[in-house]
Amino acid sequence: MAYRWRIAILLAIITTINYVDRSVFGVVAPMITELFAISSEQYGLITSGFLLAYGLGQLISGPLIDRIGTKHAFSLAAVLWSVATILHALGRGFVSFFSMRALLGLAEAANFPAATKAVAQWFPASERSTGVSIFMLGAGLGAIITPPATVFVMTTLGWQWAFILPGSLGLIWVWLWHRWYHLPEDHPSISESERTLILERRSPQVSKESWLSLLRYREFWGLMVSRLVSDFPFYFFLFWLPQYLMDVRGFNLRDIAMFAWLPWVAADLGALAGGALSSHLIKRGKTVNYARKAVIWLGAVLVLVTIPAVRAESGMLALGLICFGMFAIQVKGAVFFTLPADLFPAAKVATVWGVFGAVGSLGGSVLGVVAGVLIGSAGYEPVFYMIAFLHIVSAALLMLLVPNIRPLERP
């Protein structure tokens, strides 16, 4: 196997751990909200606290990653968020869980900027969306693993161990990362043919311009505005799906363990399909602009299938429609998340992705508070309509504000 694909797998593993760490709380939530008398509004605030801290963390981590390098920044972040996950076991109510979620969000924020920068350093343009889609598999895989594993740990060892065990995995990954990750320029295990392929066809690696110079690009603002409305649907299902299935569809903990992972299988399939389709279109002679936007629109339109889920008579039919919606969200996401690496040189990718991700988290946080209020007063139906149309809005804003996806600067 070419070494760049091993790097992608290593990135997928840490993204899996990252999403296990953040997803555990959603599965444990029905127990701890009852145990510690946490209301729906307070739970919405807790999830929004994570996203606000996550957004702030991306603003901080992006420039830090570009400054100290992918290898060291990823190691530091993984240690911090692993410790933060373990500390959740000490939670005793709204204030303590809000604080732990905020700390976790701040630390976990480095994952996507660092992983995207690693892809920009290791992959030629024609394979970049595939590289991104591989590490994005970790988001779905983490969410797949979490429900059955968490329920098993909760029922055998107690809810505290549902945080302690996954938090420990990140510390093991850091050792592997430090041992195996180097830049392709000086990696001791890469073949010369692969090194040549990567170095000749990847995006520009250096930039003479300052961070503030990014603000003059219309495309920079286009990415941010389109991301502002795109993250909430994914985070809603990540944080609220177990609660929805129990409150509305009558699922119990056993049902959650058996079925709540299915949407994340669909999400992973969507990420693979979206990334592979975009790469295929480029290899068939389509421009990067066409290959990215066509797949983004395809995913955005398909998300509309979530609308009938909220009115479905059968809980399993509703879950099936949610699965298709998650597939569509990640068809779009795998390509959408590639855009910072398509537009900006690798030396700026983590910084751009940090702002890109922070804006998404801010939008997700604000809409998460709105969702908590809506659910408490009107139920889940208005939230499902929000989910269905936000990706259409995101794609339209991208089309309007980023007329051509191409590298914007060269060294």
Protein backbone atom coordinates (compact mmCIF):
# COMPACT_ATOMS: atom_id res chain seq x y z
CA MET A 1 0.00 0.00 0.00
CA ALA A 2 1.31 3.47 -0.91
CA TYR A 3 2.35 5.30 2.26
CA ARG A 4 0.00 8.24 1.73
CA TRP A 5 -2.95 5.88 2.17
CA ARG A 6 -1.47 4.69 5.47
CA ILE A 7 -1.33 8.32 6.58
CA ALA A 8 -5.01 8.69 5.62
CA ILE A 9 -5.87 5.61 7.70
CA LEU A 10 -3.94 6.97 10.67
CA LEU A 11 -5.92 10.21 10.36
CA ALA A 12 -9.15 8.17 10.17
CA ILE A 13 -8.24 6.37 13.40
CA ILE A 14 -7.72 9.58 15.40
CA THR A 15 -10.87 11.10 13.90
CA THR A 16 -12.72 7.98 15.06
CA ILE A 17 -11.36 8.43 18.58
CA ASN A 18 -12.23 12.13 18.41
CA TYR A 19 -15.84 11.34 17.55
CA VAL A 20 -16.16 8.57 20.12
CA ASP A 21 -15.01 11.04 22.76
CA ARG A 22 -17.56 13.67 21.74
CA SER A 23 -20.41 11.20 20.98
CA VAL A 24 -20.39 9.34 24.30
CA PHE A 25 -22.20 12.21 26.00
CA GLY A 26 -25.18 11.88 23.65
CA VAL A 27 -25.63 8.20 24.56
CA VAL A 28 -25.12 8.75 28.28
CA ALA A 29 -27.39 11.85 28.21
CA PRO A 30 -30.74 10.10 28.90
CA MET A 31 -29.26 8.63 32.09
CA ILE A 32 -27.36 11.66 33.39
CA THR A 33 -30.11 14.19 32.52
CA GLU A 34 -32.44 12.17 34.72
CA LEU A 35 -29.82 11.43 37.37
CA PHE A 36 -28.76 15.08 37.73
CA ALA A 37 -32.11 16.76 36.80
CA ILE A 38 -30.81 18.43 33.62
CA SER A 39 -33.61 19.94 31.49
CA SER A 40 -33.89 19.95 27.66
CA GLU A 41 -32.96 23.64 27.64
CA GLN A 42 -29.91 22.97 29.81
CA TYR A 43 -28.92 20.03 27.61
CA GLY A 44 -29.15 22.31 24.58
CA LEU A 45 -26.88 24.78 26.38
CA ILE A 46 -24.38 22.01 27.18
CA THR A 47 -24.19 20.92 23.54
CA SER A 48 -23.90 24.55 22.44
CA GLY A 49 -21.15 25.13 25.00
CA PHE A 50 -19.16 22.34 23.35
CA LEU A 51 -19.66 23.89 19.92
CA LEU A 52 -18.76 27.42 21.02
CA ALA A 53 -15.56 26.15 22.62
CA TYR A 54 -14.92 23.99 19.55
CA GLY A 55 -15.23 27.06 17.35
CA LEU A 56 -12.89 29.10 19.54
CA GLY A 57 -10.46 26.19 19.62
CA GLN A 58 -10.32 26.07 15.83
CA LEU A 59 -9.51 29.77 15.65
CA ILE A 60 -6.62 29.14 18.05
CA SER A 61 -5.44 25.78 16.73
CA GLY A 62 -5.39 26.65 13.01
CA PRO A 63 -2.56 29.22 13.18
CA LEU A 64 -0.81 27.10 15.85
CA ILE A 65 -0.78 24.06 13.55
CA ASP A 66 0.62 26.12 10.67
CA ARG A 67 3.29 27.51 13.01
CA ILE A 68 4.53 24.41 14.88
CA GLY A 69 3.62 21.77 12.30
CA THR A 70 1.07 19.02 11.89
CA LYS A 71 2.95 16.37 13.84
CA HIS A 72 3.51 18.26 17.10
CA ALA A 73 0.20 20.14 17.08
CA PHE A 74 -1.81 16.93 16.57
CA SER A 75 0.04 15.21 19.41
CA LEU A 76 -0.60 18.07 21.83
CA ALA A 77 -4.29 18.32 20.93
CA ALA A 78 -4.93 14.57 21.23
CA VAL A 79 -3.38 14.46 24.70
CA LEU A 80 -5.48 17.41 25.88
CA TRP A 81 -8.81 16.14 24.58
CA SER A 82 -8.17 12.63 25.88
CA VAL A 83 -7.64 14.03 29.38
CA ALA A 84 -10.75 16.21 28.99
CA THR A 85 -12.83 13.15 28.06
CA ILE A 86 -11.65 11.25 31.12
CA LEU A 87 -12.55 14.21 33.34
CA HIS A 88 -16.22 13.87 32.32
CA ALA A 89 -16.39 11.01 34.81
CA LEU A 90 -16.26 13.65 37.56
CA GLY A 91 -19.40 15.46 36.30
CA ARG A 92 -22.19 16.02 38.82
CA GLY A 93 -24.68 18.41 37.18
CA PHE A 94 -25.28 21.14 34.62
CA VAL A 95 -22.35 23.36 35.57
CA SER A 96 -19.74 20.60 35.72
CA PHE A 97 -20.87 18.93 32.48
CA PHE A 98 -21.04 22.28 30.70
CA SER A 99 -17.47 22.98 31.83
CA MET A 100 -16.16 19.57 30.77
CA ARG A 101 -17.86 19.78 27.37
CA ALA A 102 -16.37 23.23 26.79
CA LEU A 103 -12.89 21.96 27.69
CA LEU A 104 -13.34 18.98 25.36
CA GLY A 105 -14.52 21.20 22.52
CA LEU A 106 -11.56 23.53 22.92
CA ALA A 107 -9.09 20.64 22.70
CA GLU A 108 -10.82 18.57 19.98
CA ALA A 109 -10.90 21.53 17.62
CA ALA A 110 -7.45 20.78 16.17
CA ASN A 111 -8.48 17.48 14.58
CA PHE A 112 -9.94 18.66 11.29
CA PRO A 113 -7.53 21.56 10.60
CA ALA A 114 -4.56 19.27 11.28
CA ALA A 115 -5.96 16.35 9.29
CA THR A 116 -6.78 18.58 6.31
CA LYS A 117 -3.29 20.08 6.41
CA ALA A 118 -1.81 16.57 6.47
CA VAL A 119 -3.86 15.69 3.37
CA ALA A 120 -2.64 18.87 1.63
CA GLN A 121 0.93 17.82 2.46
CA TRP A 122 0.55 14.19 1.40
CA PHE A 123 -1.93 14.04 -1.52
CA PRO A 124 -1.94 15.28 -5.12
CA ALA A 125 -4.97 17.39 -6.12
CA SER A 126 -6.68 14.54 -8.01
CA GLU A 127 -6.74 12.39 -4.84
CA ARG A 128 -7.35 15.12 -2.26
CA SER A 129 -11.10 14.66 -1.84
CA THR A 130 -10.57 10.90 -1.49
CA GLY A 131 -7.95 11.52 1.20
CA VAL A 132 -10.34 13.82 3.05
CA SER A 133 -13.20 11.32 2.71
CA ILE A 134 -11.04 8.58 4.25
CA PHE A 135 -10.25 10.51 7.40
CA MET A 136 -13.86 11.71 7.52
CA LEU A 137 -14.85 8.05 7.83
CA GLY A 138 -13.70 8.39 11.41
CA ALA A 139 -16.60 10.72 12.18
CA GLY A 140 -19.14 8.11 11.17
CA LEU A 141 -17.15 5.18 12.53
CA GLY A 142 -16.83 6.85 15.91
CA ALA A 143 -20.56 7.42 16.01
CA ILE A 144 -21.18 3.81 14.89
CA ILE A 145 -19.04 2.36 17.65
CA THR A 146 -20.28 4.65 20.40
CA PRO A 147 -23.92 3.54 21.02
CA PRO A 148 -23.36 -0.22 21.49
CA ALA A 149 -19.99 0.19 23.20
CA THR A 150 -21.24 2.90 25.54
CA VAL A 151 -24.38 1.02 26.51
CA PHE A 152 -22.30 -2.10 27.22
CA VAL A 153 -19.81 -0.16 29.36
CA MET A 154 -22.58 1.74 31.17
CA THR A 155 -24.47 -1.42 32.07
CA THR A 156 -21.40 -3.39 33.15
CA LEU A 157 -19.00 -0.85 34.66
CA GLY A 158 -21.04 2.33 35.19
CA TRP A 159 -21.49 5.52 33.17
CA GLN A 160 -18.18 7.02 34.35
CA TRP A 161 -16.22 4.31 32.52
CA ALA A 162 -17.96 5.26 29.29
CA PHE A 163 -15.72 8.35 29.39
CA ILE A 164 -12.59 6.88 30.97
CA LEU A 165 -12.05 4.05 28.47
CA PRO A 166 -12.36 5.98 25.18
CA GLY A 167 -10.41 8.87 26.66
CA SER A 168 -7.47 6.52 27.15
CA LEU A 169 -7.36 5.48 23.47
CA GLY A 170 -6.17 8.87 22.28
CA LEU A 171 -3.06 8.63 24.45
CA ILE A 172 -2.12 5.36 22.72
CA TRP A 173 -2.63 6.93 19.27
CA VAL A 174 -0.26 9.80 20.12
CA TRP A 175 2.60 7.34 20.53
CA LEU A 176 1.87 5.78 17.12
CA TRP A 177 1.53 9.18 15.47
CA HIS A 178 4.86 10.41 16.79
CA ARG A 179 6.56 7.27 15.55
CA TRP A 180 5.04 7.05 12.04
CA TYR A 181 4.27 10.58 10.83
CA HIS A 182 6.84 12.59 8.88
CA LEU A 183 6.53 14.91 5.89
CA PRO A 184 6.88 13.15 2.50
CA GLU A 185 10.01 15.19 1.76
CA ASP A 186 12.01 13.33 4.41
CA HIS A 187 9.93 10.28 5.32
CA PRO A 188 12.27 7.28 5.77
CA SER A 189 9.76 4.66 4.55
CA ILE A 190 8.27 6.23 1.42
CA SER A 191 9.33 5.05 -2.04
CA GLU A 192 11.03 7.52 -4.37
CA SER A 193 8.29 7.12 -6.98
CA GLU A 194 5.58 8.01 -4.46
CA ARG A 195 7.65 10.90 -3.11
CA THR A 196 8.02 12.29 -6.63
CA LEU A 197 4.30 11.90 -7.35
CA ILE A 198 3.33 13.76 -4.18
CA LEU A 199 5.88 16.56 -4.45
CA GLU A 200 5.10 17.31 -8.09
CA ARG A 201 1.29 17.28 -7.91
CA ARG A 202 0.24 18.48 -4.47
CA SER A 203 -0.96 22.01 -3.70
CA PRO A 204 1.53 24.85 -3.02
CA GLN A 205 3.17 24.34 0.37
CA VAL A 206 4.39 27.85 1.20
CA SER A 207 2.89 31.32 1.14
CA LYS A 208 4.53 34.72 1.35
CA GLU A 209 1.38 36.41 2.54
CA SER A 210 0.21 37.05 6.09
CA TRP A 211 -2.87 35.59 7.75
CA LEU A 212 -4.70 38.91 7.46
CA SER A 213 -4.16 38.91 3.70
CA LEU A 214 -6.67 36.06 3.47
CA LEU A 215 -9.42 38.51 4.34
CA ARG A 216 -9.14 40.20 0.95
CA TYR A 217 -10.28 37.07 -0.90
CA ARG A 218 -13.96 36.88 -1.78
CA GLU A 219 -13.57 33.09 -1.76
CA PHE A 220 -12.44 33.14 1.88
CA TRP A 221 -15.66 34.90 2.89
CA GLY A 222 -17.69 32.64 0.63
CA LEU A 223 -16.38 29.56 2.43
CA MET A 224 -17.17 31.06 5.81
CA VAL A 225 -20.71 32.16 5.00
CA SER A 226 -21.62 28.83 3.41
CA ARG A 227 -20.15 26.93 6.38
CA LEU A 228 -22.10 29.03 8.90
CA VAL A 229 -25.35 27.22 8.07
CA SER A 230 -23.99 23.78 7.20
CA ASP A 231 -22.89 22.13 10.48
CA PHE A 232 -26.06 22.09 12.55
CA PRO A 233 -27.76 19.10 10.83
CA PHE A 234 -24.78 16.80 11.52
CA TYR A 235 -24.42 17.97 15.11
CA PHE A 236 -28.15 17.63 15.74
CA PHE A 237 -28.05 13.93 14.94
CA LEU A 238 -24.77 13.50 16.82
CA PHE A 239 -26.08 15.04 20.05
CA TRP A 240 -29.87 14.54 19.88
CA LEU A 241 -30.52 11.30 18.00
CA PRO A 242 -30.55 8.95 21.04
CA GLN A 243 -32.76 11.43 22.92
CA TYR A 244 -35.14 11.72 19.93
CA LEU A 245 -35.39 7.96 19.49
CA MET A 246 -36.21 7.50 23.16
CA ASP A 247 -38.54 10.51 23.59
CA VAL A 248 -40.52 10.23 20.34
CA ARG A 249 -39.99 6.74 18.92
CA GLY A 250 -40.10 4.76 22.16
CA PHE A 251 -36.64 3.24 21.89
CA ASN A 252 -35.00 1.92 25.04
CA LEU A 253 -31.27 1.59 25.80
CA ARG A 254 -31.16 -1.84 24.17
CA ASP A 255 -32.76 -0.42 21.01
CA ILE A 256 -30.27 2.47 21.01
CA ALA A 257 -27.40 -0.01 21.20
CA MET A 258 -28.86 -2.07 18.35
CA PHE A 259 -29.96 0.66 15.93
CA ALA A 260 -28.60 4.15 16.76
CA TRP A 261 -25.34 3.42 14.92
CA LEU A 262 -27.03 2.84 11.56
CA PRO A 263 -27.14 6.52 10.48
CA TRP A 264 -23.39 6.68 10.96
CA VAL A 265 -22.82 3.72 8.66
CA ALA A 266 -24.82 5.66 6.10
CA ALA A 267 -22.73 8.76 6.85
CA ASP A 268 -19.49 6.89 6.19
CA LEU A 269 -20.85 5.48 2.94
CA GLY A 270 -21.84 9.00 1.95
CA ALA A 271 -18.37 10.37 2.72
CA LEU A 272 -16.73 7.65 0.64
CA ALA A 273 -19.21 8.12 -2.21
CA GLY A 274 -18.86 11.90 -2.27
CA GLY A 275 -15.07 11.92 -2.14
CA ALA A 276 -14.69 9.14 -4.70
CA LEU A 277 -17.23 10.68 -7.10
CA SER A 278 -15.49 14.05 -7.04
CA SER A 279 -12.06 12.46 -7.62
CA HIS A 280 -13.53 10.33 -10.43
CA LEU A 281 -14.94 13.41 -12.17
CA ILE A 282 -11.52 15.10 -12.08
CA LYS A 283 -9.80 12.02 -13.48
CA ARG A 284 -12.41 11.96 -16.27
CA GLY A 285 -11.37 15.47 -17.30
CA LYS A 286 -13.81 17.66 -15.37
CA THR A 287 -12.48 20.78 -13.68
CA VAL A 288 -12.03 20.86 -9.92
CA ASN A 289 -14.71 23.55 -9.83
CA TYR A 290 -17.24 21.31 -11.59
CA ALA A 291 -16.29 18.16 -9.68
CA ARG A 292 -16.63 19.82 -6.29
CA LYS A 293 -19.82 21.83 -6.89
CA ALA A 294 -21.71 19.04 -8.67
CA VAL A 295 -21.25 16.67 -5.73
CA ILE A 296 -21.99 19.40 -3.17
CA TRP A 297 -25.32 20.14 -4.87
CA LEU A 298 -26.13 16.44 -5.17
CA GLY A 299 -25.71 15.94 -1.42
CA ALA A 300 -27.57 19.15 -0.54
CA VAL A 301 -30.63 18.19 -2.58
CA LEU A 302 -30.72 14.64 -1.21
CA VAL A 303 -30.82 15.94 2.39
CA LEU A 304 -34.43 16.97 1.71
CA VAL A 305 -35.43 13.33 2.29
CA THR A 306 -35.22 13.99 6.06
CA ILE A 307 -38.48 15.99 5.93
CA PRO A 308 -40.85 12.98 5.94
CA ALA A 309 -38.84 11.27 8.70
CA VAL A 310 -40.49 13.32 11.43
CA ARG A 311 -43.99 12.31 10.27
CA ALA A 312 -43.27 8.64 9.53
CA GLU A 313 -45.65 6.22 11.24
CA SER A 314 -42.93 3.67 11.95
CA GLY A 315 -39.90 4.39 14.10
CA MET A 316 -37.77 2.18 11.87
CA LEU A 317 -38.95 4.01 8.73
CA ALA A 318 -38.06 7.30 10.38
CA LEU A 319 -34.64 5.92 11.25
CA GLY A 320 -34.19 4.72 7.65
CA LEU A 321 -34.96 8.21 6.30
CA ILE A 322 -32.54 9.71 8.82
CA CYS A 323 -29.92 7.24 7.55
CA PHE A 324 -30.44 8.46 3.99
CA GLY A 325 -30.25 12.05 5.20
CA MET A 326 -26.91 11.36 6.92
CA PHE A 327 -25.65 9.71 3.74
CA ALA A 328 -26.52 12.88 1.81
CA ILE A 329 -25.01 15.21 4.43
CA GLN A 330 -21.66 13.43 4.15
CA VAL A 331 -21.77 13.20 0.34
CA LYS A 332 -21.70 17.00 0.50
CA GLY A 333 -19.40 17.18 3.51
CA ALA A 334 -16.56 15.07 2.11
CA VAL A 335 -16.20 17.50 -0.80
CA PHE A 336 -17.12 20.69 1.05
CA PHE A 337 -14.40 20.07 3.63
CA THR A 338 -11.82 19.72 0.85
CA LEU A 339 -12.31 23.30 -0.36
CA PRO A 340 -9.79 25.05 1.94
CA ALA A 341 -7.07 22.76 0.54
CA ASP A 342 -8.30 23.37 -3.02
CA LEU A 343 -8.21 27.14 -2.68
CA PHE A 344 -5.27 27.90 -0.38
CA PRO A 345 -1.63 26.70 -0.11
CA ALA A 346 -0.80 24.06 2.49
CA ALA A 347 1.04 26.66 4.58
CA LYS A 348 -2.30 28.38 5.19
CA VAL A 349 -4.68 25.41 5.13
CA ALA A 350 -4.86 24.83 8.90
CA THR A 351 -5.42 28.54 9.53
CA VAL A 352 -8.17 28.75 6.90
CA TRP A 353 -9.71 25.48 8.12
CA GLY A 354 -9.59 26.76 11.67
CA VAL A 355 -11.71 29.79 10.78
CA PHE A 356 -13.85 27.62 8.48
CA GLY A 357 -14.54 25.16 11.28
CA ALA A 358 -15.03 27.88 13.90
CA VAL A 359 -17.72 29.52 11.81
CA GLY A 360 -19.46 26.15 11.39
CA SER A 361 -19.32 25.53 15.12
CA LEU A 362 -20.67 29.00 15.84
CA GLY A 363 -23.61 28.42 13.52
CA GLY A 364 -24.15 24.95 14.96
CA SER A 365 -24.03 26.33 18.49
CA VAL A 366 -26.55 29.09 17.90
CA LEU A 367 -28.89 26.77 16.03
CA GLY A 368 -28.40 24.17 18.76
CA VAL A 369 -29.79 26.59 21.34
CA VAL A 370 -32.68 27.35 18.99
CA ALA A 371 -33.28 23.61 18.57
CA GLY A 372 -33.37 23.06 22.33
CA VAL A 373 -35.99 25.80 22.73
CA LEU A 374 -38.04 24.53 19.77
CA ILE A 375 -37.98 20.95 21.01
CA GLY A 376 -39.02 22.04 24.48
CA SER A 377 -41.95 24.12 23.16
CA ALA A 378 -43.01 22.66 19.78
CA GLY A 379 -41.35 19.27 19.45
CA TYR A 380 -38.93 18.00 16.84
CA GLU A 381 -40.82 18.78 13.61
CA PRO A 382 -39.55 22.38 13.11
CA VAL A 383 -35.98 21.16 13.66
CA PHE A 384 -36.31 18.54 10.93
CA TYR A 385 -37.40 21.26 8.48
CA MET A 386 -34.32 23.29 9.45
CA ILE A 387 -32.12 20.26 8.80
CA ALA A 388 -33.65 19.67 5.38
CA PHE A 389 -33.11 23.16 3.96
CA LEU A 390 -29.87 24.40 5.55
CA HIS A 391 -27.65 22.49 3.12
CA ILE A 392 -29.54 23.94 0.14
CA VAL A 393 -28.85 27.41 1.55
CA SER A 394 -25.19 26.49 2.09
CA ALA A 395 -24.73 25.25 -1.49
CA ALA A 396 -26.45 28.34 -2.92
CA LEU A 397 -24.21 30.68 -0.92
CA LEU A 398 -21.12 28.79 -2.07
CA MET A 399 -22.24 29.01 -5.71
CA LEU A 400 -22.81 32.75 -5.38
CA LEU A 401 -19.70 33.73 -3.45
CA VAL A 402 -17.10 31.25 -4.77
CA PRO A 403 -17.57 31.38 -8.55
CA ASN A 404 -14.48 29.31 -9.35
CA ILE A 405 -12.73 26.75 -7.14
CA ARG A 406 -9.03 27.02 -8.02
CA PRO A 407 -5.76 27.79 -6.20
CA LEU A 408 -5.82 31.48 -5.28
CA GLU A 409 -2.15 32.09 -4.63
CA ARG A 410 1.19 30.55 -5.45
CA PRO A 411 4.58 30.93 -3.82
